PDB file of N, CA and C in Angstrom:
ATOM      1  N   MET A   1      54.719 106.011 -39.649  1.00  0.00           N
ATOM      2  CA  MET A   1      56.017 105.970 -39.013  1.00  0.00           C
ATOM      3  C   MET A   1      55.931 106.850 -37.770  1.00  0.00           C
ATOM      4  N   ASN A   2      55.951 106.252 -36.599  1.00  0.00           N
ATOM      5  CA  ASN A   2      55.850 107.006 -35.369  1.00  0.00           C
ATOM      6  C   ASN A   2      57.224 107.074 -34.715  1.00  0.00           C
ATOM      7  N   MET A   3      57.671 108.276 -34.428  1.00  0.00           N
ATOM      8  CA  MET A   3      58.994 108.483 -33.852  1.00  0.00           C
ATOM      9  C   MET A   3      58.833 109.200 -32.527  1.00  0.00           C
ATOM     10  N   SER A   4      59.850 109.136 -31.671  1.00  0.00           N
ATOM     11  CA  SER A   4      59.781 109.855 -30.410  1.00  0.00           C
ATOM     12  C   SER A   4      60.235 111.299 -30.557  1.00  0.00           C
ATOM     13  N   LYS A   5      61.091 111.562 -31.552  1.00  0.00           N
ATOM     14  CA  LYS A   5      61.486 112.936 -31.822  1.00  0.00           C
ATOM     15  C   LYS A   5      61.888 113.057 -33.282  1.00  0.00           C
ATOM     16  N   PHE A   6      61.802 114.265 -33.763  1.00  0.00           N
ATOM     17  CA  PHE A   6      62.142 114.560 -35.150  1.00  0.00           C
ATOM     18  C   PHE A   6      63.005 115.804 -35.124  1.00  0.00           C
ATOM     19  N   ILE A   7      64.137 115.775 -35.790  1.00  0.00           N
ATOM     20  CA  ILE A   7      65.042 116.920 -35.789  1.00  0.00           C
ATOM     21  C   ILE A   7      64.856 117.689 -37.088  1.00  0.00           C
ATOM     22  N   CYS A   8      64.466 118.942 -36.956  1.00  0.00           N
ATOM     23  CA  CYS A   8      64.261 119.820 -38.100  1.00  0.00           C
ATOM     24  C   CYS A   8      65.612 120.205 -38.697  1.00  0.00           C
ATOM     25  N   LYS A   9      65.592 120.617 -39.947  1.00  0.00           N
ATOM     26  CA  LYS A   9      66.822 121.061 -40.611  1.00  0.00           C
ATOM     27  C   LYS A   9      67.440 122.278 -39.922  1.00  0.00           C
ATOM     28  N   CYS A  10      66.618 123.044 -39.175  1.00  0.00           N
ATOM     29  CA  CYS A  10      67.143 124.214 -38.458  1.00  0.00           C
ATOM     30  C   CYS A  10      67.796 123.819 -37.134  1.00  0.00           C
ATOM     31  N   GLY A  11      67.678 122.525 -36.762  1.00  0.00           N
ATOM     32  CA  GLY A  11      68.277 122.036 -35.528  1.00  0.00           C
ATOM     33  C   GLY A  11      67.295 121.885 -34.377  1.00  0.00           C
ATOM     34  N   CYS A  12      66.103 122.420 -34.527  1.00  0.00           N
ATOM     35  CA  CYS A  12      65.081 122.318 -33.480  1.00  0.00           C
ATOM     36  C   CYS A  12      64.619 120.870 -33.363  1.00  0.00           C
ATOM     37  N   ILE A  13      64.464 120.395 -32.134  1.00  0.00           N
ATOM     38  CA  ILE A  13      63.982 119.043 -31.893  1.00  0.00           C
ATOM     39  C   ILE A  13      62.482 119.095 -31.650  1.00  0.00           C
ATOM     40  N   ILE A  14      61.735 118.369 -32.459  1.00  0.00           N
ATOM     41  CA  ILE A  14      60.289 118.285 -32.318  1.00  0.00           C
ATOM     42  C   ILE A  14      60.008 117.016 -31.519  1.00  0.00           C
ATOM     43  N   ASN A  15      59.552 117.186 -30.277  1.00  0.00           N
ATOM     44  CA  ASN A  15      59.312 116.063 -29.379  1.00  0.00           C
ATOM     45  C   ASN A  15      57.945 115.454 -29.685  1.00  0.00           C
ATOM     46  N   LEU A  16      57.930 114.172 -30.022  1.00  0.00           N
ATOM     47  CA  LEU A  16      56.692 113.474 -30.370  1.00  0.00           C
ATOM     48  C   LEU A  16      56.350 112.378 -29.369  1.00  0.00           C
ATOM     49  N   SER A  17      57.081 112.320 -28.258  1.00  0.00           N
ATOM     50  CA  SER A  17      56.915 111.214 -27.316  1.00  0.00           C
ATOM     51  C   SER A  17      55.889 111.489 -26.228  1.00  0.00           C
ATOM     52  N   GLU A  18      55.315 112.667 -26.203  1.00  0.00           N
ATOM     53  CA  GLU A  18      54.376 113.024 -25.130  1.00  0.00           C
ATOM     54  C   GLU A  18      52.933 113.035 -25.640  1.00  0.00           C
ATOM     55  N   GLY A  19      52.497 111.939 -26.258  1.00  0.00           N
ATOM     56  CA  GLY A  19      51.124 111.865 -26.751  1.00  0.00           C
ATOM     57  C   GLY A  19      50.968 112.658 -28.037  1.00  0.00           C
ATOM     58  N   TRP A  20      49.784 113.187 -28.265  1.00  0.00           N
ATOM     59  CA  TRP A  20      49.505 113.940 -29.485  1.00  0.00           C
ATOM     60  C   TRP A  20      50.213 115.285 -29.428  1.00  0.00           C
ATOM     61  N   SER A  21      51.054 115.525 -30.389  1.00  0.00           N
ATOM     62  CA  SER A  21      51.815 116.762 -30.459  1.00  0.00           C
ATOM     63  C   SER A  21      51.095 117.756 -31.361  1.00  0.00           C
ATOM     64  N   SER A  22      51.096 119.017 -30.983  1.00  0.00           N
ATOM     65  CA  SER A  22      50.494 120.041 -31.833  1.00  0.00           C
ATOM     66  C   SER A  22      51.362 120.297 -33.062  1.00  0.00           C
ATOM     67  N   ASN A  23      52.563 119.719 -33.089  1.00  0.00           N
ATOM     68  CA  ASN A  23      53.457 119.864 -34.241  1.00  0.00           C
ATOM     69  C   ASN A  23      53.322 118.713 -35.231  1.00  0.00           C
ATOM     70  N   GLU A  24      52.504 117.713 -34.900  1.00  0.00           N
ATOM     71  CA  GLU A  24      52.270 116.587 -35.805  1.00  0.00           C
ATOM     72  C   GLU A  24      50.895 116.779 -36.436  1.00  0.00           C
ATOM     73  N   LEU A  25      50.870 116.877 -37.750  1.00  0.00           N
ATOM     74  CA  LEU A  25      49.640 117.174 -38.476  1.00  0.00           C
ATOM     75  C   LEU A  25      49.315 116.055 -39.449  1.00  0.00           C
ATOM     76  N   ALA A  26      48.053 115.994 -39.863  1.00  0.00           N
ATOM     77  CA  ALA A  26      47.621 115.029 -40.878  1.00  0.00           C
ATOM     78  C   ALA A  26      47.081 115.821 -42.061  1.00  0.00           C
ATOM     79  N   LEU A  27      47.637 115.564 -43.212  1.00  0.00           N
ATOM     80  CA  LEU A  27      47.186 116.177 -44.455  1.00  0.00           C
ATOM     81  C   LEU A  27      46.211 115.199 -45.099  1.00  0.00           C
ATOM     82  N   ILE A  28      44.941 115.630 -45.218  1.00  0.00           N
ATOM     83  CA  ILE A  28      43.872 114.743 -45.680  1.00  0.00           C
ATOM     84  C   ILE A  28      43.205 115.352 -46.900  1.00  0.00           C
ATOM     85  N   PRO A  29      43.052 114.578 -47.973  1.00  0.00           N
ATOM     86  CA  PRO A  29      42.389 115.111 -49.160  1.00  0.00           C
ATOM     87  C   PRO A  29      40.949 115.556 -48.859  1.00  0.00           C
ATOM     88  N   GLU A  30      40.552 116.657 -49.460  1.00  0.00           N
ATOM     89  CA  GLU A  30      39.192 117.182 -49.280  1.00  0.00           C
ATOM     90  C   GLU A  30      38.148 116.138 -49.659  1.00  0.00           C
ATOM     91  N   SER A  31      38.443 115.329 -50.680  1.00  0.00           N
ATOM     92  CA  SER A  31      37.477 114.309 -51.102  1.00  0.00           C
ATOM     93  C   SER A  31      37.190 113.306 -49.980  1.00  0.00           C
ATOM     94  N   ARG A  32      38.191 113.001 -49.163  1.00  0.00           N
ATOM     95  CA  ARG A  32      37.977 112.068 -48.056  1.00  0.00           C
ATOM     96  C   ARG A  32      37.170 112.734 -46.944  1.00  0.00           C
ATOM     97  N   ILE A  33      37.445 113.994 -46.691  1.00  0.00           N
ATOM     98  CA  ILE A  33      36.663 114.723 -45.678  1.00  0.00           C
ATOM     99  C   ILE A  33      35.197 114.762 -46.108  1.00  0.00           C
ATOM    100  N   GLU A  34      34.971 115.011 -47.392  1.00  0.00           N
ATOM    101  CA  GLU A  34      33.610 115.028 -47.938  1.00  0.00           C
ATOM    102  C   GLU A  34      32.944 113.660 -47.771  1.00  0.00           C
ATOM    103  N   LYS A  35      33.688 112.586 -48.038  1.00  0.00           N
ATOM    104  CA  LYS A  35      33.149 111.230 -47.906  1.00  0.00           C
ATOM    105  C   LYS A  35      32.737 110.946 -46.461  1.00  0.00           C
ATOM    106  N   ILE A  36      33.562 111.334 -45.523  1.00  0.00           N
ATOM    107  CA  ILE A  36      33.242 111.122 -44.103  1.00  0.00           C
ATOM    108  C   ILE A  36      32.051 111.982 -43.710  1.00  0.00           C
ATOM    109  N   GLY A  37      32.032 113.232 -44.173  1.00  0.00           N
ATOM    110  CA  GLY A  37      30.907 114.117 -43.877  1.00  0.00           C
ATOM    111  C   GLY A  37      29.605 113.578 -44.431  1.00  0.00           C
ATOM    112  N   ASP A  38      29.637 113.066 -45.657  1.00  0.00           N
ATOM    113  CA  ASP A  38      28.436 112.480 -46.264  1.00  0.00           C
ATOM    114  C   ASP A  38      27.947 111.278 -45.463  1.00  0.00           C
ATOM    115  N   ALA A  39      28.873 110.446 -45.016  1.00  0.00           N
ATOM    116  CA  ALA A  39      28.501 109.271 -44.224  1.00  0.00           C
ATOM    117  C   ALA A  39      27.832 109.700 -42.922  1.00  0.00           C
ATOM    118  N   LEU A  40      28.358 110.716 -42.288  1.00  0.00           N
ATOM    119  CA  LEU A  40      27.766 111.200 -41.038  1.00  0.00           C
ATOM    120  C   LEU A  40      26.417 111.859 -41.296  1.00  0.00           C
ATOM    121  N   ASP A  41      26.307 112.591 -42.400  1.00  0.00           N
ATOM    122  CA  ASP A  41      25.056 113.255 -42.762  1.00  0.00           C
ATOM    123  C   ASP A  41      23.956 112.244 -43.074  1.00  0.00           C
ATOM    124  N   GLN A  42      24.341 111.103 -43.655  1.00  0.00           N
ATOM    125  CA  GLN A  42      23.378 110.046 -43.987  1.00  0.00           C
ATOM    126  C   GLN A  42      23.058 109.184 -42.762  1.00  0.00           C
ATOM    127  N   LYS A  43      23.566 109.593 -41.614  1.00  0.00           N
ATOM    128  CA  LYS A  43      23.350 108.885 -40.352  1.00  0.00           C
ATOM    129  C   LYS A  43      23.943 107.478 -40.366  1.00  0.00           C
ATOM    130  N   GLU A  44      24.960 107.284 -41.217  1.00  0.00           N
ATOM    131  CA  GLU A  44      25.641 106.001 -41.199  1.00  0.00           C
ATOM    132  C   GLU A  44      26.400 105.884 -39.883  1.00  0.00           C
ATOM    133  N   SER A  45      26.352 104.728 -39.320  1.00  0.00           N
ATOM    134  CA  SER A  45      27.022 104.502 -38.051  1.00  0.00           C
ATOM    135  C   SER A  45      28.490 104.165 -38.303  1.00  0.00           C
ATOM    136  N   LEU A  46      29.372 105.048 -37.884  1.00  0.00           N
ATOM    137  CA  LEU A  46      30.808 104.815 -37.985  1.00  0.00           C
ATOM    138  C   LEU A  46      31.354 104.596 -36.587  1.00  0.00           C
ATOM    139  N   THR A  47      32.079 103.503 -36.408  1.00  0.00           N
ATOM    140  CA  THR A  47      32.768 103.328 -35.133  1.00  0.00           C
ATOM    141  C   THR A  47      33.985 104.247 -35.147  1.00  0.00           C
ATOM    142  N   ILE A  48      34.566 104.457 -34.015  1.00  0.00           N
ATOM    143  CA  ILE A  48      35.761 105.292 -33.935  1.00  0.00           C
ATOM    144  C   ILE A  48      36.882 104.671 -34.763  1.00  0.00           C
ATOM    145  N   ASP A  49      36.972 103.334 -34.764  1.00  0.00           N
ATOM    146  CA  ASP A  49      37.994 102.656 -35.566  1.00  0.00           C
ATOM    147  C   ASP A  49      37.763 102.876 -37.058  1.00  0.00           C
ATOM    148  N   GLN A  50      36.511 102.813 -37.501  1.00  0.00           N
ATOM    149  CA  GLN A  50      36.198 103.047 -38.911  1.00  0.00           C
ATOM    150  C   GLN A  50      36.515 104.493 -39.298  1.00  0.00           C
ATOM    151  N   PHE A  51      36.205 105.422 -38.408  1.00  0.00           N
ATOM    152  CA  PHE A  51      36.498 106.837 -38.652  1.00  0.00           C
ATOM    153  C   PHE A  51      37.999 107.030 -38.878  1.00  0.00           C
ATOM    154  N   TYR A  52      38.813 106.504 -37.967  1.00  0.00           N
ATOM    155  CA  TYR A  52      40.262 106.658 -38.097  1.00  0.00           C
ATOM    156  C   TYR A  52      40.817 105.890 -39.291  1.00  0.00           C
ATOM    157  N   ASP A  53      40.233 104.729 -39.601  1.00  0.00           N
ATOM    158  CA  ASP A  53      40.672 103.971 -40.780  1.00  0.00           C
ATOM    159  C   ASP A  53      40.445 104.768 -42.058  1.00  0.00           C
ATOM    160  N   LEU A  54      39.302 105.440 -42.159  1.00  0.00           N
ATOM    161  CA  LEU A  54      39.006 106.255 -43.342  1.00  0.00           C
ATOM    162  C   LEU A  54      40.014 107.387 -43.508  1.00  0.00           C
ATOM    163  N   ILE A  55      40.507 107.903 -42.392  1.00  0.00           N
ATOM    164  CA  ILE A  55      41.508 108.967 -42.436  1.00  0.00           C
ATOM    165  C   ILE A  55      42.899 108.389 -42.698  1.00  0.00           C
ATOM    166  N   ASP A  56      43.252 107.363 -41.931  1.00  0.00           N
ATOM    167  CA  ASP A  56      44.612 106.820 -41.999  1.00  0.00           C
ATOM    168  C   ASP A  56      44.985 106.270 -43.372  1.00  0.00           C
ATOM    169  N   GLU A  57      44.002 105.738 -44.113  1.00  0.00           N
ATOM    170  CA  GLU A  57      44.344 105.133 -45.393  1.00  0.00           C
ATOM    171  C   GLU A  57      44.694 106.154 -46.466  1.00  0.00           C
ATOM    172  N   VAL A  58      44.451 107.444 -46.213  1.00  0.00           N
ATOM    173  CA  VAL A  58      44.766 108.463 -47.228  1.00  0.00           C
ATOM    174  C   VAL A  58      45.608 109.621 -46.693  1.00  0.00           C
ATOM    175  N   LYS A  59      45.855 109.664 -45.404  1.00  0.00           N
ATOM    176  CA  LYS A  59      46.548 110.826 -44.835  1.00  0.00           C
ATOM    177  C   LYS A  59      48.040 110.811 -45.115  1.00  0.00           C
ATOM    178  N   SER A  60      48.608 111.990 -45.115  1.00  0.00           N
ATOM    179  CA  SER A  60      50.063 112.170 -45.134  1.00  0.00           C
ATOM    180  C   SER A  60      50.442 112.806 -43.813  1.00  0.00           C
ATOM    181  N   VAL A  61      51.513 112.312 -43.214  1.00  0.00           N
ATOM    182  CA  VAL A  61      51.996 112.865 -41.947  1.00  0.00           C
ATOM    183  C   VAL A  61      52.846 114.095 -42.233  1.00  0.00           C
ATOM    184  N   VAL A  62      52.612 115.147 -41.452  1.00  0.00           N
ATOM    185  CA  VAL A  62      53.369 116.388 -41.594  1.00  0.00           C
ATOM    186  C   VAL A  62      53.818 116.827 -40.203  1.00  0.00           C
ATOM    187  N   TYR A  63      55.104 117.162 -40.082  1.00  0.00           N
ATOM    188  CA  TYR A  63      55.611 117.748 -38.845  1.00  0.00           C
ATOM    189  C   TYR A  63      55.910 119.215 -39.109  1.00  0.00           C
ATOM    190  N   ARG A  64      55.487 120.086 -38.182  1.00  0.00           N
ATOM    191  CA  ARG A  64      55.732 121.525 -38.317  1.00  0.00           C
ATOM    192  C   ARG A  64      56.684 121.963 -37.214  1.00  0.00           C
ATOM    193  N   CYS A  65      57.765 122.601 -37.619  1.00  0.00           N
ATOM    194  CA  CYS A  65      58.741 123.110 -36.653  1.00  0.00           C
ATOM    195  C   CYS A  65      58.215 124.394 -36.033  1.00  0.00           C
ATOM    196  N   GLU A  66      58.205 124.444 -34.714  1.00  0.00           N
ATOM    197  CA  GLU A  66      57.703 125.648 -34.044  1.00  0.00           C
ATOM    198  C   GLU A  66      58.708 126.797 -34.104  1.00  0.00           C
ATOM    199  N   LYS A  67      59.962 126.489 -34.405  1.00  0.00           N
ATOM    200  CA  LYS A  67      60.985 127.531 -34.470  1.00  0.00           C
ATOM    201  C   LYS A  67      61.005 128.229 -35.832  1.00  0.00           C
ATOM    202  N   CYS A  68      61.101 127.457 -36.923  1.00  0.00           N
ATOM    203  CA  CYS A  68      61.232 128.068 -38.253  1.00  0.00           C
ATOM    204  C   CYS A  68      59.975 127.919 -39.112  1.00  0.00           C
ATOM    205  N   GLN A  69      58.974 127.191 -38.598  1.00  0.00           N
ATOM    206  CA  GLN A  69      57.711 126.938 -39.292  1.00  0.00           C
ATOM    207  C   GLN A  69      57.862 126.064 -40.541  1.00  0.00           C
ATOM    208  N   ARG A  70      59.032 125.431 -40.696  1.00  0.00           N
ATOM    209  CA  ARG A  70      59.253 124.514 -41.819  1.00  0.00           C
ATOM    210  C   ARG A  70      58.291 123.328 -41.679  1.00  0.00           C
ATOM    211  N   LEU A  71      57.763 122.857 -42.809  1.00  0.00           N
ATOM    212  CA  LEU A  71      56.915 121.679 -42.831  1.00  0.00           C
ATOM    213  C   LEU A  71      57.713 120.507 -43.375  1.00  0.00           C
ATOM    214  N   HIS A  72      57.569 119.363 -42.734  1.00  0.00           N
ATOM    215  CA  HIS A  72      58.230 118.129 -43.152  1.00  0.00           C
ATOM    216  C   HIS A  72      57.129 117.143 -43.526  1.00  0.00           C
ATOM    217  N   LEU A  73      57.000 116.862 -44.815  1.00  0.00           N
ATOM    218  CA  LEU A  73      55.941 116.012 -45.351  1.00  0.00           C
ATOM    219  C   LEU A  73      56.481 114.614 -45.623  1.00  0.00           C
ATOM    220  N   GLU A  74      55.830 113.608 -45.019  1.00  0.00           N
ATOM    221  CA  GLU A  74      56.254 112.227 -45.246  1.00  0.00           C
ATOM    222  C   GLU A  74      55.725 111.746 -46.588  1.00  0.00           C
ATOM    223  N   GLU A  75      56.634 111.252 -47.415  1.00  0.00           N
ATOM    224  CA  GLU A  75      56.289 110.710 -48.717  1.00  0.00           C
ATOM    225  C   GLU A  75      57.065 109.412 -48.909  1.00  0.00           C
ATOM    226  N   ASP A  76      56.351 108.306 -48.950  1.00  0.00           N
ATOM    227  CA  ASP A  76      56.969 106.990 -49.143  1.00  0.00           C
ATOM    228  C   ASP A  76      58.045 106.692 -48.102  1.00  0.00           C
ATOM    229  N   GLY A  77      57.776 107.010 -46.848  1.00  0.00           N
ATOM    230  CA  GLY A  77      58.705 106.709 -45.771  1.00  0.00           C
ATOM    231  C   GLY A  77      59.854 107.679 -45.613  1.00  0.00           C
ATOM    232  N   LYS A  78      59.928 108.696 -46.474  1.00  0.00           N
ATOM    233  CA  LYS A  78      60.968 109.723 -46.383  1.00  0.00           C
ATOM    234  C   LYS A  78      60.290 111.077 -46.229  1.00  0.00           C
ATOM    235  N   PHE A  79      61.036 112.044 -45.735  1.00  0.00           N
ATOM    236  CA  PHE A  79      60.470 113.367 -45.526  1.00  0.00           C
ATOM    237  C   PHE A  79      61.032 114.380 -46.509  1.00  0.00           C
ATOM    238  N   SER A  80      60.133 115.175 -47.059  1.00  0.00           N
ATOM    239  CA  SER A  80      60.502 116.329 -47.878  1.00  0.00           C
ATOM    240  C   SER A  80      60.211 117.551 -47.027  1.00  0.00           C
ATOM    241  N   SER A  81      61.131 118.504 -47.013  1.00  0.00           N
ATOM    242  CA  SER A  81      60.976 119.684 -46.163  1.00  0.00           C
ATOM    243  C   SER A  81      60.649 120.915 -47.005  1.00  0.00           C
ATOM    244  N   TYR A  82      59.783 121.745 -46.446  1.00  0.00           N
ATOM    245  CA  TYR A  82      59.333 122.954 -47.133  1.00  0.00           C
ATOM    246  C   TYR A  82      59.412 124.128 -46.168  1.00  0.00           C
ATOM    247  N   LEU A  83      60.046 125.184 -46.602  1.00  0.00           N
ATOM    248  CA  LEU A  83      60.191 126.384 -45.788  1.00  0.00           C
ATOM    249  C   LEU A  83      59.329 127.489 -46.398  1.00  0.00           C
ATOM    250  N   LYS A  84      58.632 128.220 -45.551  1.00  0.00           N
ATOM    251  CA  LYS A  84      57.745 129.286 -45.983  1.00  0.00           C
ATOM    252  C   LYS A  84      58.553 130.359 -46.739  1.00  0.00           C
ATOM    253  N   GLU A  85      58.006 130.742 -47.887  1.00  0.00           N
ATOM    254  CA  GLU A  85      58.653 131.798 -48.658  1.00  0.00           C
ATOM    255  C   GLU A  85      58.380 133.147 -47.989  1.00  0.00           C
ATOM    256  N   VAL A  86      59.395 133.994 -48.020  1.00  0.00           N
ATOM    257  CA  VAL A  86      59.269 135.319 -47.416  1.00  0.00           C
ATOM    258  C   VAL A  86      59.403 136.356 -48.531  1.00  0.00           C
ATOM    259  N   ASP A  87      58.495 137.323 -48.533  1.00  0.00           N
ATOM    260  CA  ASP A  87      58.554 138.372 -49.564  1.00  0.00           C
ATOM    261  C   ASP A  87      59.681 139.342 -49.291  1.00  0.00           C
TER     262      ASP A  87
END
């Protein structure tokens, strides 16, 4: 789900319309990173499309608010928000 902006619960607007945003993250299982690393180590030829396909099929989209540091995790087309606990 690609959006031009995302509004955090704190009211901050996360602008996503200017290319790759440093506030848009991909959460990727370690097992997939290992699989890609093994393929590269075995000198398997991966095209850039294959590389991104291996990531895209398992990634979760996460938006991070630069104001409050809240994380918004996409799950089944909806977002769950998480705020850092403070001691």
